[in-house]
């Protein structure tokens, strides 16, 4: 499911209304693409988006089962699944919920402490992961809906993404290299430990070919810009 949602959908054409699941999968609640229709409550999305981000871990399994049953993940058709794929799908879900929900309840009953541990883990982890994903493409400098053929694939990956804290060892470790979002999209099969070196080459090539290389000095500055962008998308009707 992750391969279809993220690798096939998102990585092919980021921020594109017809391909990228990430740009429309939260609608109607969130408006993260200028081509999506606007709802009156979207004007408040810059205020309630942190709450929605905490629900990522809870909502993903629901989306996985929906995609498994329907045969598609949003607009991406799911390729024929092998028996081993189906086994991993169900055993993975069972393994997770058995050790995080079923076994604790069996051992300790419906102890409030169980929910005090499980739900904070889900909410905090979800907010952290969703924030790292969302800010890199939904900001004031990244492009949206670049049509196929309008730009070369590599240029599309660059102009629809944004880096942050380039050169920071801390963020390199904490984000698994996602702070080098541009390089992550250009070379998804290359281990992220090489991103710092690759980014210097990519930036140079972008400068030579007059392609904008989006990079924020800190994650905080990008997160604030992300919130401002959501406010604009929530009120801009064009």
Protein backbone atom coordinates (compact mmCIF):
# COMPACT_ATOMS: atom_id res chain seq x y z
CA UNK A 1 0.00 0.00 0.00
CA UNK A 2 2.86 2.36 0.81
CA UNK A 3 4.48 1.63 -2.53
CA UNK A 4 1.31 2.57 -4.37
CA UNK A 5 0.45 5.61 -2.26
CA UNK A 6 3.92 7.09 -1.91
CA UNK A 7 6.33 5.60 -4.42
CA UNK A 8 4.04 5.28 -7.45
CA UNK A 9 1.73 8.19 -6.68
CA UNK A 10 3.60 10.88 -4.79
CA UNK A 11 7.08 10.40 -6.21
CA UNK A 12 5.96 10.37 -9.83
CA UNK A 13 4.62 13.93 -9.90
CA UNK A 14 4.63 15.71 -6.52
CA UNK A 15 1.83 18.22 -5.88
CA UNK A 16 -0.04 17.16 -9.03
CA UNK A 17 -3.81 16.99 -8.69
CA UNK A 18 -4.16 13.93 -10.97
CA UNK A 19 -1.38 11.75 -9.59
CA UNK A 20 -0.10 12.71 -6.15
CA UNK A 21 -2.23 11.08 -3.45
CA UNK A 22 -0.72 13.34 -0.81
CA UNK A 23 -2.10 16.46 -2.44
CA UNK A 24 -5.77 15.43 -2.35
CA UNK A 25 -6.14 12.45 0.00
CA UNK A 26 -7.05 14.64 2.99
CA UNK A 27 -9.74 16.57 1.13
CA UNK A 28 -12.38 17.60 2.04
CA UNK A 29 -10.87 18.34 5.41
CA UNK A 30 -7.70 19.93 4.03
CA UNK A 31 -7.16 21.92 0.86
CA UNK A 32 -3.53 21.43 -0.08
CA UNK A 33 -3.74 22.09 -3.82
CA UNK A 34 -4.88 25.25 -5.64
CA UNK A 35 -6.95 23.17 -8.07
CA UNK A 36 -9.07 21.57 -5.37
CA UNK A 37 -12.51 23.06 -4.73
CA UNK A 38 -12.70 25.15 -1.59
CA UNK A 39 -15.02 24.62 1.37
CA UNK A 40 -15.93 27.28 3.90
CA UNK A 41 -14.12 25.52 6.75
CA UNK A 42 -10.85 25.43 4.79
CA UNK A 43 -10.32 29.01 5.90
CA UNK A 44 -9.54 27.60 9.35
CA UNK A 45 -7.23 24.79 8.22
CA UNK A 46 -4.12 26.70 9.29
CA UNK A 47 -5.51 26.42 12.82
CA UNK A 48 -6.73 22.82 12.92
CA UNK A 49 -4.05 21.13 10.78
CA UNK A 50 -1.85 20.19 13.79
CA UNK A 51 -4.74 18.18 15.23
CA UNK A 52 -5.31 16.39 11.93
CA UNK A 53 -1.62 15.54 11.66
CA UNK A 54 -1.81 13.66 14.97
CA UNK A 55 -4.32 11.25 13.40
CA UNK A 56 -2.01 10.01 10.63
CA UNK A 57 -1.09 6.76 12.37
CA UNK A 58 -4.72 5.95 13.12
CA UNK A 59 -6.01 6.84 9.65
CA UNK A 60 -3.37 5.06 7.57
CA UNK A 61 -4.49 1.50 8.44
CA UNK A 62 -8.04 2.50 7.51
CA UNK A 63 -6.80 3.78 4.15
CA UNK A 64 -4.79 0.59 3.68
CA UNK A 65 -7.82 -1.66 4.15
CA UNK A 66 -9.92 0.61 1.94
CA UNK A 67 -7.32 0.40 -0.79
CA UNK A 68 -6.96 -3.35 -0.41
CA UNK A 69 -10.70 -3.91 -0.77
CA UNK A 70 -11.32 -1.38 -3.57
CA UNK A 71 -8.23 -2.29 -5.57
CA UNK A 72 -6.91 1.26 -5.70
CA UNK A 73 -5.28 3.78 -3.41
CA UNK A 74 -7.17 6.97 -4.14
CA UNK A 75 -6.46 7.38 -7.90
CA UNK A 76 -3.63 4.85 -8.12
CA UNK A 77 -4.71 1.38 -9.26
CA UNK A 78 -3.14 -1.34 -7.14
CA UNK A 79 -1.08 -3.82 -9.13
CA UNK A 80 -1.96 -7.53 -8.75
CA UNK A 81 -0.87 -8.69 -5.31
CA UNK A 82 1.06 -11.91 -4.84
CA UNK A 83 0.11 -14.31 -2.08
CA UNK A 84 3.20 -13.21 -0.13
CA UNK A 85 2.04 -9.59 -0.42
CA UNK A 86 -1.33 -10.50 1.06
CA UNK A 87 0.32 -12.47 3.86
CA UNK A 88 2.58 -9.53 4.76
CA UNK A 89 -0.37 -7.14 4.61
CA UNK A 90 -2.53 -8.98 7.13
CA UNK A 91 0.26 -10.38 9.32
CA UNK A 92 1.83 -6.91 9.63
CA UNK A 93 -1.42 -5.36 10.78
CA UNK A 94 -2.11 -8.26 13.15
CA UNK A 95 1.41 -8.11 14.60
CA UNK A 96 1.10 -4.39 15.31
CA UNK A 97 -2.31 -4.42 16.96
CA UNK A 98 -1.62 -7.65 18.86
CA UNK A 99 1.43 -6.23 20.64
CA UNK A 100 0.18 -2.68 21.09
CA UNK A 101 -3.51 -3.25 21.94
CA UNK A 102 -4.67 -6.86 22.31
CA UNK A 103 -1.82 -8.26 24.44
CA UNK A 104 -1.70 -5.32 26.90
CA UNK A 105 -5.47 -5.50 27.40
CA UNK A 106 -5.27 -9.28 27.88
CA UNK A 107 -2.46 -8.94 30.42
CA UNK A 108 -3.73 -5.93 32.33
CA UNK A 109 -7.37 -5.46 31.40
CA UNK A 110 -8.78 -2.13 30.23
CA UNK A 111 -6.29 -0.25 32.32
CA UNK A 112 -6.29 3.50 31.57
CA UNK A 113 -2.49 3.36 31.59
CA UNK A 114 -2.58 1.33 28.36
CA UNK A 115 -4.33 4.14 26.53
CA UNK A 116 -2.06 6.65 28.23
CA UNK A 117 0.85 4.97 26.45
CA UNK A 118 -0.65 3.79 23.16
CA UNK A 119 -2.50 6.91 22.08
CA UNK A 120 0.28 9.39 22.97
CA UNK A 121 2.65 7.20 20.95
CA UNK A 122 0.28 7.35 17.98
CA UNK A 123 -0.55 11.04 18.29
CA UNK A 124 2.98 12.33 18.85
CA UNK A 125 4.56 10.00 16.31
CA UNK A 126 1.92 10.87 13.73
CA UNK A 127 2.35 14.61 14.20
CA UNK A 128 6.12 14.28 13.87
CA UNK A 129 5.96 12.19 10.69
CA UNK A 130 3.13 14.14 9.05
CA UNK A 131 4.90 17.43 9.71
CA UNK A 132 8.10 16.20 8.06
CA UNK A 133 6.15 15.07 5.00
CA UNK A 134 3.76 17.96 4.58
CA UNK A 135 6.07 20.96 4.99
CA UNK A 136 8.44 19.86 2.23
CA UNK A 137 5.86 20.28 -0.53
CA UNK A 138 3.20 22.62 0.86
CA UNK A 139 4.95 25.95 1.18
CA UNK A 140 5.20 29.29 -0.57
CA UNK A 141 8.11 28.35 -2.85
CA UNK A 142 7.19 24.89 -4.15
CA UNK A 143 5.28 24.65 -7.42
CA UNK A 144 1.96 22.87 -7.94
CA UNK A 145 0.43 20.94 -10.84
CA UNK A 146 3.35 20.99 -13.25
CA UNK A 147 1.99 19.07 -16.22
CA UNK A 148 3.77 16.14 -17.83
CA UNK A 149 5.85 17.37 -20.76
CA UNK A 150 5.97 20.93 -19.47
CA UNK A 151 9.18 20.30 -17.58
CA UNK A 152 11.69 17.48 -17.43
CA UNK A 153 11.06 14.93 -14.68
CA UNK A 154 14.14 15.91 -12.67
CA UNK A 155 13.25 19.60 -12.75
CA UNK A 156 9.72 18.84 -11.57
CA UNK A 157 11.13 16.99 -8.56
CA UNK A 158 13.27 20.01 -7.67
CA UNK A 159 10.75 22.82 -8.07
CA UNK A 160 7.93 20.99 -6.24
CA UNK A 161 10.08 20.22 -3.19
CA UNK A 162 11.91 22.18 -0.49
CA UNK A 163 14.84 21.34 1.76
CA UNK A 164 15.47 22.59 5.27
CA UNK A 165 18.43 22.75 7.65
CA UNK A 166 20.85 21.63 4.95
CA UNK A 167 24.10 20.68 6.63
CA UNK A 168 22.48 19.92 9.99
CA UNK A 169 23.63 16.57 11.37
CA UNK A 170 20.84 16.64 13.94
CA UNK A 171 18.06 16.94 11.38
CA UNK A 172 19.81 14.47 9.11
CA UNK A 173 19.52 11.89 11.90
CA UNK A 174 16.08 12.86 13.22
CA UNK A 175 14.42 12.97 9.78
CA UNK A 176 16.25 10.11 8.08
CA UNK A 177 17.47 12.52 5.43
CA UNK A 178 14.03 13.98 4.67
CA UNK A 179 15.44 17.46 5.26
CA UNK A 180 17.10 16.86 1.87
CA UNK A 181 13.72 16.47 0.23
CA UNK A 182 14.94 17.49 -3.22
CA UNK A 183 17.68 14.87 -3.23
CA UNK A 184 15.25 12.35 -1.76
CA UNK A 185 13.01 12.84 -4.79
CA UNK A 186 15.80 12.86 -7.34
CA UNK A 187 17.54 9.77 -5.95
CA UNK A 188 14.96 7.76 -3.95
CA UNK A 189 16.99 4.58 -4.34
CA UNK A 190 20.19 6.08 -2.90
CA UNK A 191 20.76 5.80 0.84
CA UNK A 192 20.25 9.15 2.55
CA UNK A 193 23.72 9.25 4.07
CA UNK A 194 24.93 10.47 0.67
CA UNK A 195 22.42 13.32 0.41
CA UNK A 196 24.68 16.03 1.91
CA UNK A 197 27.34 15.39 -0.73
CA UNK A 198 24.79 15.00 -3.53
CA UNK A 199 23.00 18.23 -2.57
CA UNK A 200 26.08 20.30 -3.30
CA UNK A 201 26.19 18.93 -6.85
CA UNK A 202 22.43 19.34 -7.35
CA UNK A 203 22.50 22.96 -6.14
CA UNK A 204 25.36 23.75 -8.51
CA UNK A 205 23.58 22.17 -11.48
CA UNK A 206 20.39 24.08 -10.62
CA UNK A 207 22.29 27.38 -10.53
CA UNK A 208 23.92 26.63 -13.89
CA UNK A 209 20.56 25.83 -15.51
CA UNK A 210 18.53 28.58 -13.80
CA UNK A 211 16.36 26.12 -11.86
CA UNK A 212 15.26 27.31 -8.43
CA UNK A 213 16.62 25.24 -5.55
CA UNK A 214 14.26 25.67 -2.61
CA UNK A 215 15.97 25.53 0.78
CA UNK A 216 14.89 26.93 4.16
CA UNK A 217 17.51 27.72 6.82
CA UNK A 218 15.61 25.89 9.60
CA UNK A 219 12.70 23.51 10.05
CA UNK A 220 10.96 26.15 12.18
CA UNK A 221 11.01 28.70 9.35
CA UNK A 222 9.61 26.10 6.94
CA UNK A 223 6.91 24.99 9.39
CA UNK A 224 5.75 28.59 9.88
CA UNK A 225 5.67 29.11 6.12
CA UNK A 226 3.72 25.85 5.79
CA UNK A 227 1.04 27.19 8.15
CA UNK A 228 0.87 30.47 6.22
CA UNK A 229 0.56 28.57 2.95
CA UNK A 230 -2.32 26.52 4.32
CA UNK A 231 -4.05 29.75 5.28
CA UNK A 232 -3.64 31.07 1.73
CA UNK A 233 -4.86 27.83 0.18
CA UNK A 234 -7.83 27.86 2.53
CA UNK A 235 -9.01 31.28 1.39
CA UNK A 236 -7.73 31.58 -2.20
CA UNK A 237 -10.53 30.73 -4.58
CA UNK A 238 -8.60 30.72 -7.85
